[in-house]
Protein backbone atom coordinates (compact mmCIF):
# COMPACT_ATOMS: atom_id res chain seq x y z
CA MET A 1 -17.50 -24.66 -2.99
CA SER A 2 -16.86 -21.62 -0.42
CA THR A 3 -16.34 -18.31 -1.01
CA TYR A 4 -12.99 -18.32 0.85
CA ALA A 5 -10.59 -21.41 -0.82
CA VAL A 6 -7.22 -21.63 -1.85
CA VAL A 7 -6.90 -22.04 -5.36
CA ASN A 8 -3.36 -22.63 -6.35
CA PRO A 9 -3.17 -20.59 -9.52
CA ALA A 10 -0.32 -22.61 -11.02
CA THR A 11 -2.38 -26.17 -10.62
CA GLY A 12 -5.85 -24.82 -10.78
CA GLU A 13 -6.34 -27.32 -7.73
CA THR A 14 -8.44 -26.47 -4.90
CA VAL A 15 -5.82 -27.21 -2.12
CA ALA A 16 -8.54 -26.23 0.55
CA GLU A 17 -11.96 -24.29 1.71
CA TYR A 18 -12.85 -22.34 4.64
CA PRO A 19 -16.08 -21.62 5.77
CA VAL A 20 -17.99 -18.30 5.56
CA ALA A 21 -18.81 -16.65 8.79
CA THR A 22 -22.09 -16.86 9.97
CA ASP A 23 -23.75 -13.47 11.28
CA ALA A 24 -23.59 -14.73 15.03
CA GLU A 25 -19.65 -15.00 14.66
CA ILE A 26 -19.58 -11.81 13.23
CA GLU A 27 -21.53 -10.02 15.88
CA ASP A 28 -18.87 -11.99 18.36
CA ALA A 29 -15.89 -10.54 16.67
CA THR A 30 -16.88 -7.10 16.71
CA ALA A 31 -18.04 -7.23 20.23
CA ALA A 32 -14.48 -9.05 21.07
CA ALA A 33 -13.12 -6.01 19.22
CA HIS A 34 -15.15 -3.31 21.00
CA ALA A 35 -14.25 -5.30 24.56
CA ALA A 36 -10.48 -5.47 23.84
CA PHE A 37 -10.46 -1.89 22.49
CA LEU A 38 -11.37 -1.41 26.36
CA GLU A 39 -8.51 -2.66 27.55
CA TRP A 40 -6.08 -2.46 25.13
CA ARG A 41 -6.06 1.55 25.09
CA ALA A 42 -5.11 1.37 28.50
CA VAL A 43 -2.56 -0.55 28.31
CA PRO A 44 1.09 1.67 28.43
CA VAL A 45 2.42 2.59 25.21
CA ALA A 46 5.71 0.82 26.06
CA GLU A 47 3.65 -2.45 26.41
CA ARG A 48 1.70 -2.20 23.09
CA ALA A 49 5.39 -1.51 21.47
CA SER A 50 6.33 -4.64 23.12
CA VAL A 51 3.74 -6.85 21.97
CA ALA A 52 4.29 -5.03 18.50
CA ARG A 53 8.02 -5.98 18.45
CA ARG A 54 6.49 -9.55 19.23
CA ILE A 55 4.36 -9.60 16.16
CA ALA A 56 7.69 -9.18 13.69
CA GLU A 57 9.62 -11.89 15.64
CA LEU A 58 6.56 -14.15 15.09
CA HIS A 59 6.72 -12.84 11.45
CA ARG A 60 10.55 -14.11 11.47
CA GLU A 61 10.32 -17.80 13.16
CA ARG A 62 7.11 -17.97 10.62
CA ARG A 63 8.71 -17.38 7.40
CA ALA A 64 8.68 -20.25 5.58
CA GLU A 65 5.15 -21.15 6.48
CA LEU A 66 3.57 -17.70 5.54
CA ALA A 67 5.31 -17.57 2.62
CA ALA A 68 4.98 -21.16 1.37
CA ALA A 69 1.27 -20.02 1.86
CA ILE A 70 0.93 -17.31 -0.03
CA VAL A 71 2.51 -19.22 -2.98
CA ARG A 72 -0.32 -21.33 -2.94
CA GLU A 73 -2.61 -18.53 -3.05
CA MET A 74 -1.80 -16.42 -5.34
CA GLY A 75 0.62 -17.76 -6.84
CA LYS A 76 3.33 -15.33 -5.91
CA PRO A 77 7.58 -16.32 -6.43
CA LEU A 78 8.52 -18.38 -3.27
CA VAL A 79 11.23 -15.64 -3.18
CA ALA A 80 9.10 -12.89 -3.34
CA ALA A 81 6.95 -14.08 -0.94
CA GLU A 82 9.77 -14.68 1.25
CA GLY A 83 10.70 -11.01 0.81
CA GLU A 84 7.00 -9.92 1.28
CA VAL A 85 6.92 -11.39 5.18
CA ASP A 86 10.53 -9.92 5.83
CA PHE A 87 9.18 -6.32 4.66
CA ALA A 88 5.88 -7.20 6.68
CA ALA A 89 8.08 -7.34 9.79
CA ASP A 90 10.23 -4.62 9.45
CA ILE A 91 6.92 -2.59 9.30
CA VAL A 92 5.83 -3.93 12.11
CA GLU A 93 9.16 -3.02 14.18
CA PHE A 94 9.18 0.46 13.09
CA TYR A 95 5.96 1.07 14.86
CA ALA A 96 7.45 -0.90 17.66
CA ASP A 97 10.47 1.48 17.72
CA ASN A 98 8.63 4.55 16.80
CA ALA A 99 5.34 3.88 19.37
CA GLU A 100 6.60 6.80 21.43
CA THR A 101 6.57 9.61 18.93
CA ILE A 102 3.31 8.33 17.53
CA THR A 103 1.51 8.85 20.68
CA ALA A 104 3.32 12.03 22.06
CA ASP A 105 1.53 14.71 22.72
CA GLN A 106 2.49 18.03 20.12
CA GLN A 107 2.61 21.51 22.18
CA LEU A 108 1.43 24.34 20.51
CA ASP A 109 2.66 27.82 20.77
CA ILE A 110 -0.92 29.54 21.33
CA LEU A 111 -1.73 33.33 21.14
CA GLY A 112 -2.54 34.02 24.64
CA GLU A 113 -1.84 32.71 28.17
CA GLY A 114 -1.69 28.92 29.37
CA THR A 115 -1.03 25.83 26.84
CA ALA A 116 -1.93 24.03 24.67
CA VAL A 117 -1.36 20.63 23.34
CA VAL A 118 -3.25 17.85 20.53
CA ARG A 119 -3.03 14.65 22.49
CA ARG A 120 -3.34 11.59 20.06
CA SER A 121 -5.31 8.80 21.11
CA ALA A 122 -7.28 5.82 19.82
CA LEU A 123 -10.84 5.49 18.54
CA GLY A 124 -11.62 2.23 18.32
CA PRO A 125 -12.39 -0.51 16.58
CA LEU A 126 -11.64 -0.28 12.76
CA LEU A 127 -12.42 -2.85 9.97
CA GLY A 128 -9.61 -3.60 7.45
CA ILE A 129 -10.37 -4.94 3.94
CA MET A 130 -7.36 -6.68 2.55
CA PRO A 131 -6.49 -7.65 -1.00
CA TRP A 132 -4.52 -10.25 -2.25
CA ASN A 133 -1.31 -9.48 -4.17
CA PHE A 134 0.52 -8.56 -0.53
CA PRO A 135 -1.51 -10.90 2.00
CA ALA A 136 1.07 -10.00 4.59
CA TYR A 137 2.72 -6.24 4.25
CA GLN A 138 -0.93 -4.97 3.55
CA VAL A 139 -2.07 -6.67 6.80
CA ALA A 140 0.93 -4.91 8.24
CA ARG A 141 1.01 -1.56 7.11
CA PHE A 142 -2.51 -1.30 8.27
CA ALA A 143 -2.69 -3.39 11.68
CA ALA A 144 0.27 -2.25 13.12
CA PRO A 145 0.46 1.63 13.39
CA ASN A 146 -3.48 1.26 14.68
CA LEU A 147 -2.45 -1.66 17.48
CA VAL A 148 0.71 0.81 18.73
CA LEU A 149 -1.85 3.26 18.79
CA GLY A 150 -4.45 1.70 20.83
CA ASN A 151 -6.96 0.70 18.36
CA THR A 152 -8.40 -2.80 17.64
CA ILE A 153 -8.84 -4.82 14.21
CA ILE A 154 -11.21 -6.56 12.70
CA LEU A 155 -9.64 -7.89 9.45
CA LYS A 156 -11.13 -9.09 6.65
CA HIS A 157 -8.69 -10.23 3.92
CA ALA A 158 -9.17 -11.28 0.39
CA PRO A 159 -11.32 -14.36 -0.14
CA GLN A 160 -8.37 -16.29 -1.88
CA CYS A 161 -6.05 -15.94 0.52
CA PRO A 162 -8.14 -17.56 3.97
CA GLU A 163 -4.69 -19.57 4.46
CA SER A 164 -2.13 -17.09 5.54
CA ALA A 165 -5.02 -15.13 7.16
CA ALA A 166 -5.30 -17.72 9.51
CA ILE A 167 -1.50 -17.90 10.03
CA LEU A 168 -1.56 -13.76 10.81
CA ALA A 169 -4.75 -14.15 13.14
CA GLY A 170 -2.42 -16.71 14.88
CA ILE A 171 0.93 -14.33 15.15
CA TYR A 172 -0.76 -11.72 16.06
CA ALA A 173 -2.62 -13.78 18.85
CA ASP A 174 0.48 -16.01 20.13
CA ALA A 175 2.02 -12.09 20.27
CA GLY A 176 -0.20 -11.77 23.50
CA LEU A 177 -2.53 -9.35 21.95
CA PRO A 178 -5.87 -9.37 24.23
CA GLU A 179 -8.27 -11.78 22.75
CA GLY A 180 -10.64 -9.93 20.07
CA ALA A 181 -7.72 -7.00 19.87
CA TYR A 182 -6.99 -8.69 16.26
CA VAL A 183 -9.94 -10.46 14.67
CA ASN A 184 -9.59 -12.40 11.52
CA VAL A 185 -13.48 -12.89 9.74
CA TYR A 186 -14.36 -14.74 7.04
CA ALA A 187 -17.22 -12.39 5.92
CA SER A 188 -19.24 -11.98 3.19
CA ASN A 189 -19.37 -8.70 1.42
CA GLU A 190 -22.48 -8.02 3.09
CA GLN A 191 -21.27 -8.68 6.81
CA ALA A 192 -18.76 -6.35 5.70
CA ALA A 193 -21.39 -3.70 5.13
CA THR A 194 -23.08 -4.54 8.55
CA ILE A 195 -19.64 -4.43 10.33
CA ILE A 196 -19.15 -0.63 8.87
CA ALA A 197 -22.61 -0.07 9.91
CA ASP A 198 -22.15 -0.93 13.79
CA PRO A 199 -21.69 2.24 15.88
CA ARG A 200 -18.75 0.16 17.73
CA VAL A 201 -16.74 0.31 14.63
CA GLN A 202 -15.19 3.82 14.10
CA GLY A 203 -13.51 3.42 11.28
CA VAL A 204 -12.35 1.09 7.80
CA SER A 205 -9.29 0.95 5.60
CA VAL A 206 -9.51 -0.54 2.14
CA THR A 207 -6.56 -1.64 -0.27
CA GLY A 208 -8.11 -2.86 -3.49
CA SER A 209 -10.15 -1.76 -6.65
CA GLU A 210 -11.46 1.63 -7.34
CA ARG A 211 -14.71 -0.13 -7.55
CA ALA A 212 -14.20 -1.68 -4.36
CA GLY A 213 -13.15 1.54 -2.83
CA SER A 214 -16.26 3.37 -4.26
CA ALA A 215 -18.51 1.45 -2.87
CA VAL A 216 -17.04 1.33 1.10
CA ALA A 217 -16.80 5.23 1.03
CA ALA A 218 -19.80 5.24 -0.01
CA LEU A 219 -20.93 3.12 3.24
CA ALA A 220 -18.78 4.30 5.63
CA GLY A 221 -20.14 8.19 4.27
CA GLN A 222 -23.66 7.00 4.60
CA HIS A 223 -22.57 5.86 8.70
CA LEU A 224 -20.01 9.27 9.13
CA LYS A 225 -17.07 6.68 9.56
CA LYS A 226 -13.57 7.69 8.44
CA VAL A 227 -12.28 5.46 5.47
CA ALA A 228 -8.98 5.43 4.41
CA LEU A 229 -8.32 4.01 0.92
CA GLU A 230 -5.16 2.80 -1.23
CA LEU A 231 -6.63 1.84 -4.69
CA GLY A 232 -5.35 1.18 -8.17
CA GLY A 233 -2.16 3.12 -10.09
CA SER A 234 -1.17 3.27 -13.79
CA ASP A 235 2.26 4.86 -12.66
CA PRO A 236 4.45 6.43 -15.27
CA PHE A 237 8.09 5.82 -15.77
CA ILE A 238 9.79 8.74 -17.25
CA LEU A 239 13.28 8.63 -18.80
CA LEU A 240 14.58 11.77 -20.04
CA SER A 241 18.13 11.44 -19.91
CA SER A 242 20.85 8.62 -18.95
CA ASP A 243 24.84 7.58 -19.12
CA ASP A 244 23.97 4.35 -18.17
CA LEU A 245 20.89 3.00 -20.34
CA ASP A 246 21.47 -0.92 -19.56
CA THR A 247 20.77 -0.05 -15.63
CA VAL A 248 17.77 2.07 -16.29
CA VAL A 249 16.36 -0.82 -18.86
CA GLN A 250 16.75 -3.42 -15.96
CA ASN A 251 15.13 -1.05 -13.16
CA ALA A 252 12.34 -0.66 -15.66
CA VAL A 253 11.84 -4.40 -15.82
CA ASP A 254 12.39 -5.03 -12.23
CA ALA A 255 9.62 -2.18 -11.76
CA ARG A 256 7.05 -3.68 -14.01
CA LEU A 257 7.63 -7.24 -13.03
CA ASP A 258 7.43 -7.53 -9.39
CA ASN A 259 5.00 -9.32 -7.96
CA THR A 260 4.48 -10.90 -11.54
CA GLY A 261 3.02 -7.12 -12.87
CA GLN A 262 0.61 -7.42 -9.60
CA ALA A 263 1.54 -4.23 -7.98
CA CYS A 264 -0.64 -1.15 -7.64
CA ASN A 265 2.58 1.18 -7.19
CA ALA A 266 4.25 -0.64 -9.97
CA ALA A 267 5.68 1.32 -13.06
CA LYS A 268 2.81 0.23 -15.79
CA ARG A 269 3.64 2.95 -18.66
CA PHE A 270 6.87 3.76 -19.75
CA ILE A 271 7.67 7.53 -21.23
CA VAL A 272 10.39 7.85 -23.23
CA VAL A 273 11.99 11.23 -25.06
CA ASP A 274 12.38 11.05 -28.53
CA GLU A 275 16.22 10.24 -28.85
CA LEU A 276 16.30 7.77 -26.25
CA TYR A 277 12.78 6.42 -26.98
CA ASP A 278 14.61 3.51 -30.10
CA ALA A 279 17.43 2.42 -28.01
CA PHE A 280 15.15 1.93 -24.88
CA LEU A 281 12.30 0.21 -26.69
CA GLU A 282 15.01 -2.46 -28.26
CA LYS A 283 16.70 -3.30 -24.55
CA PHE A 284 13.23 -2.82 -22.88
CA THR A 285 12.11 -5.86 -25.12
CA ALA A 286 14.60 -8.26 -25.42
CA ALA A 287 14.71 -8.14 -21.39
CA MET A 288 11.24 -8.48 -20.85
CA ARG A 289 11.43 -11.78 -23.44
CA GLY A 290 14.02 -12.97 -21.28
CA ALA A 291 11.91 -12.77 -17.93
CA LYS A 292 11.67 -16.21 -17.11
CA VAL A 293 7.89 -17.45 -16.75
CA GLY A 294 7.42 -20.55 -14.17
CA ASP A 295 6.84 -22.86 -11.47
CA PRO A 296 6.66 -20.08 -8.64
CA MET A 297 8.21 -22.65 -6.48
CA ASP A 298 11.33 -22.52 -8.41
CA GLU A 299 14.41 -19.72 -6.89
CA ASP A 300 14.94 -18.34 -10.76
CA THR A 301 10.92 -17.68 -11.28
CA VAL A 302 10.66 -14.25 -12.65
CA LEU A 303 6.71 -14.41 -13.23
CA GLY A 304 4.66 -17.10 -11.83
CA PRO A 305 0.79 -17.72 -12.76
CA LEU A 306 -1.36 -14.43 -12.05
CA SER A 307 -3.38 -14.86 -9.23
CA SER A 308 -6.25 -16.95 -10.82
CA LEU A 309 -7.30 -18.38 -14.12
CA ALA A 310 -9.78 -15.07 -13.92
CA ALA A 311 -7.21 -12.35 -13.82
CA ALA A 312 -4.96 -13.75 -16.55
CA GLU A 313 -8.57 -14.17 -18.60
CA ARG A 314 -8.90 -10.28 -17.93
CA LEU A 315 -5.45 -9.19 -18.92
CA GLU A 316 -5.54 -11.13 -22.34
CA GLN A 317 -8.87 -9.01 -23.08
CA GLN A 318 -7.52 -5.98 -22.73
CA VAL A 319 -4.37 -6.52 -24.47
CA GLU A 320 -6.62 -8.16 -27.57
CA THR A 321 -8.74 -5.15 -27.07
CA ALA A 322 -6.12 -2.12 -27.44
CA VAL A 323 -4.60 -4.46 -30.49
CA ALA A 324 -8.16 -4.67 -31.85
CA GLN A 325 -8.04 -1.08 -31.85
CA GLY A 326 -4.47 -0.35 -33.22
CA ALA A 327 -2.01 -1.14 -30.74
CA ARG A 328 1.28 -3.62 -31.25
CA VAL A 329 2.46 -6.32 -28.98
CA GLU A 330 6.45 -6.19 -29.10
CA VAL A 331 6.65 -9.39 -27.47
CA GLY A 332 4.58 -11.59 -25.15
CA GLY A 333 0.97 -11.28 -24.98
CA ALA A 334 0.04 -15.19 -24.93
CA ARG A 335 -1.66 -16.58 -22.10
CA ASP A 336 -0.90 -20.38 -21.08
CA GLY A 337 -3.41 -20.78 -18.35
CA ALA A 338 -3.11 -18.73 -15.34
CA PHE A 339 0.40 -17.67 -16.73
CA PHE A 340 1.36 -14.37 -18.45
CA PRO A 341 4.41 -13.76 -20.38
CA ALA A 342 6.25 -10.40 -20.22
CA THR A 343 4.42 -8.35 -22.56
CA VAL A 344 5.37 -4.65 -24.45
CA LEU A 345 2.95 -2.80 -26.08
CA THR A 346 3.55 0.24 -28.28
CA GLY A 347 1.48 2.40 -30.28
CA VAL A 348 -0.82 2.96 -27.47
CA THR A 349 -3.18 6.48 -28.23
CA PRO A 350 -5.58 8.11 -26.14
CA ASP A 351 -8.32 7.20 -27.94
CA MET A 352 -8.03 3.48 -27.00
CA ASP A 353 -9.27 2.00 -23.62
CA VAL A 354 -6.05 0.74 -22.33
CA TYR A 355 -4.57 4.35 -22.37
CA ARG A 356 -6.76 4.83 -19.20
CA GLU A 357 -7.07 1.52 -17.66
CA GLU A 358 -4.75 -0.03 -14.95
CA LEU A 359 -2.55 -3.69 -16.45
CA PHE A 360 -2.62 -5.49 -13.61
CA GLY A 361 0.12 -7.83 -14.68
CA PRO A 362 2.93 -7.88 -16.33
CA VAL A 363 2.71 -5.88 -19.36
CA GLY A 364 4.22 -2.62 -19.96
CA VAL A 365 2.97 0.06 -22.40
CA VAL A 366 6.15 2.17 -23.65
CA TYR A 367 5.34 5.85 -25.36
CA ARG A 368 7.22 8.04 -27.00
CA ALA A 369 7.51 12.05 -25.72
CA ALA A 370 9.02 14.78 -28.07
CA ASP A 371 10.15 16.28 -24.80
CA GLU A 372 10.23 17.20 -20.97
CA ALA A 373 6.83 18.71 -21.21
CA ASP A 374 5.27 16.17 -23.31
CA ALA A 375 6.32 13.41 -20.92
CA VAL A 376 4.93 14.98 -18.27
CA ARG A 377 1.72 15.65 -19.62
CA ILE A 378 1.82 12.07 -20.94
CA ALA A 379 2.69 11.14 -17.35
CA ASN A 380 -0.51 13.49 -15.75
CA ASP A 381 -2.85 12.17 -18.32
CA THR A 382 -4.77 9.20 -16.67
CA PRO A 383 -7.31 8.76 -13.74
CA PHE A 384 -4.73 7.76 -11.32
CA GLY A 385 -1.95 9.01 -9.08
CA LEU A 386 -0.44 6.99 -7.20
CA GLY A 387 3.33 6.43 -7.83
CA SER A 388 5.91 7.55 -10.40
CA TYR A 389 9.37 7.02 -11.30
CA VAL A 390 11.65 9.95 -13.04
CA TYR A 391 15.21 8.88 -14.57
CA SER A 392 17.49 11.94 -15.18
CA THR A 393 20.86 12.79 -15.24
CA ASP A 394 20.32 16.45 -14.21
CA PRO A 395 19.34 16.87 -10.77
CA VAL A 396 17.71 19.80 -11.51
CA GLN A 397 15.73 18.63 -14.18
CA ALA A 398 14.52 15.58 -12.29
CA GLY A 399 13.59 18.11 -9.21
CA ARG A 400 11.23 20.19 -11.44
CA VAL A 401 9.28 16.95 -13.10
CA ALA A 402 9.18 15.64 -9.87
CA ASP A 403 6.98 18.83 -8.68
CA ALA A 404 4.87 18.48 -11.90
CA ILE A 405 3.90 14.87 -11.64
CA GLU A 406 0.16 14.34 -10.34
CA ALA A 407 1.30 11.79 -7.70
CA GLY A 408 1.63 10.64 -3.95
CA MET A 409 4.77 9.81 -4.68
CA VAL A 410 7.80 10.04 -6.89
CA TYR A 411 11.30 8.38 -6.68
CA VAL A 412 14.00 9.56 -8.53
CA ASN A 413 16.46 7.35 -10.17
CA CYS A 414 15.36 4.10 -7.98
CA VAL A 415 12.73 1.75 -8.13
CA LEU A 416 11.57 -0.66 -5.25
CA ALA A 417 12.71 1.68 -2.74
CA ASP A 418 9.56 1.17 -0.65
CA SER A 419 10.85 0.99 3.11
CA PRO A 420 8.55 1.97 6.66
CA GLU A 421 9.73 4.98 7.16
CA LEU A 422 8.21 6.37 3.66
CA PRO A 423 4.76 7.34 3.82
CA PHE A 424 2.62 5.36 1.04
CA GLY A 425 -0.57 6.56 -1.19
CA GLY A 426 -1.88 8.29 -3.77
CA ILE A 427 -4.35 10.86 -5.07
CA LYS A 428 -6.73 11.33 -8.04
CA ARG A 429 -8.51 7.67 -8.24
CA SER A 430 -5.99 6.05 -6.22
CA GLY A 431 -6.89 7.03 -3.17
CA THR A 432 -7.37 9.28 -0.34
CA SER A 433 -5.01 8.23 2.58
CA ARG A 434 -1.56 7.59 3.24
CA GLU A 435 0.09 4.13 4.83
CA LEU A 436 3.52 3.39 6.22
CA GLY A 437 5.63 6.07 8.06
CA LEU A 438 4.83 8.13 10.79
CA LEU A 439 2.06 9.68 8.36
CA ALA A 440 0.31 6.20 8.80
CA ALA A 441 -0.22 6.92 12.51
CA ASP A 442 -2.52 10.24 11.63
CA GLU A 443 -5.26 8.46 9.63
CA PHE A 444 -7.14 6.54 12.83
CA VAL A 445 -6.88 8.91 15.64
CA ASN A 446 -8.10 11.50 17.90
CA LYS A 447 -6.18 14.44 17.66
CA LYS A 448 -7.52 15.98 20.62
CA LEU A 449 -6.89 19.47 21.57
CA ILE A 450 -6.22 20.32 25.26
CA ARG A 451 -6.08 24.19 25.93
CA VAL A 452 -5.36 25.32 29.68
CA ALA A 453 -5.95 28.82 30.27
C-alpha cells in the first residue's frame, strides 16, 4: 500500500492510492520552484494579487469537489468541510486585498540626514509541511501571503490527504501562476529532509505535532534555514462569571467539538470557578451527550469519525489511562471503530498523564478552580500556549486574566472567531510563528534596510 492513500475513516475503505515521488521528481520540483521564483518575484504586486484573487475564486467554484475529498480523506462532516473551503477562499482573498500593504516600504525616522526605509522582498522557494486536519485552510494561510510576497511554494501534504492536495494544486495552477510557483509533492520524510537541505530552498513551515515540529526545526537549524512552527495546543476555557450559562455551555461544546475535536486551538480544558462548577458540569455533560455521532455526509452530524482508526485508538488509550490513574468519565468514552463520542473527564490531577497531554478528539476535561487566581494558575500549568478562552461579565477582570494567560491568542466571551485578518500562533511548545493577518507576511521576507545619505 502506498504511503499516500485515501482511506475513508468512516468505512475503513481504501478509496485511492498515489505513488510516492521519486528522487528525480523531487529534484525536478525543487528546480521548478527555484526557476519560477526568479520569474514570479519580478511580477508586479498588483498582478500577483490578481492571481491570488483568482485562486480564491477557484476555491469557491470547486467547493463541492474539494469538500467531498476532505470528507473522504479525514472524515470531516460535510458542512464543516464546505465551511473550511469557504474560509480558505476568504484567506486568499484577504492577501489579494492587502498585497500593497504587506509589500509597502516602511519609512524610518532617522537621527542623521537623509532617508531610510525597510523594503520587503521575497526570499525564494519555501517548503510547506501541512497536516491532515484542515487540508485547505492550512495551505491557504501558508501559501497565500507568501505567493503575494513573491515567494514560491513546494507543498508536502499529509499522506492521508493526497486527493485534496491534487485538487488544490490544480486550483493554484489554473489561477495563472507560472509553472513551478506552487508544486505539490508526494514526498517521503527523507525526501522532505532533502528539500530542506537544498540551498535553493529558503525556509520551511510546519503545522503538525510537537514531534514533527521538533524534527524539522532541528534539520532547518542544521542548514541555517528559517522555520515557522504551528504545533499542538491544550487551550483553556476559563469561566469566571456568567449571566447566561446556557449560551456559555453551548459555546464550550462548540469550541470542543469543532472538526470532531481535532483542532489545535480547540478548547480542551474547561476551568470553572467553584460557584459555577456544578451547574456548568451538569449542563456541559448533557450537551456533550446530545452531540450526534454519524455519517459525515449527513447535514445534522456533529461528530464524524476521527481521522483514522489509529487516531481513535490513541485517544481511547489516553482516556483509559486517565481512568486507571483516577479520573472519572462523566459521559462517553466508548470507541466504535474510528468513531468516538463526545466525552467529559473530571477528577484529573497534576500527577496524571492526561493533565499535560493534548487530547486530539472530542474529549473535554473539566476542572474546578477556587477563584480567578487559581483558574489562571491551572490554565498556565501546561507545556502548550496556543489559544485560550475567557468568559466573564466583568470587562476589567477579563482584561486582567487575558494579560495573565500564557498563550498566543485570547478570545474573550467568544469562540470560533478566527478570521483572515487576525494573527494565529502560539508560544511554549505550541510554536514559534504567526500565520494569518498582516503578521503572516513577516515570516518569510527579507526586511532590507536601504539608507540613503
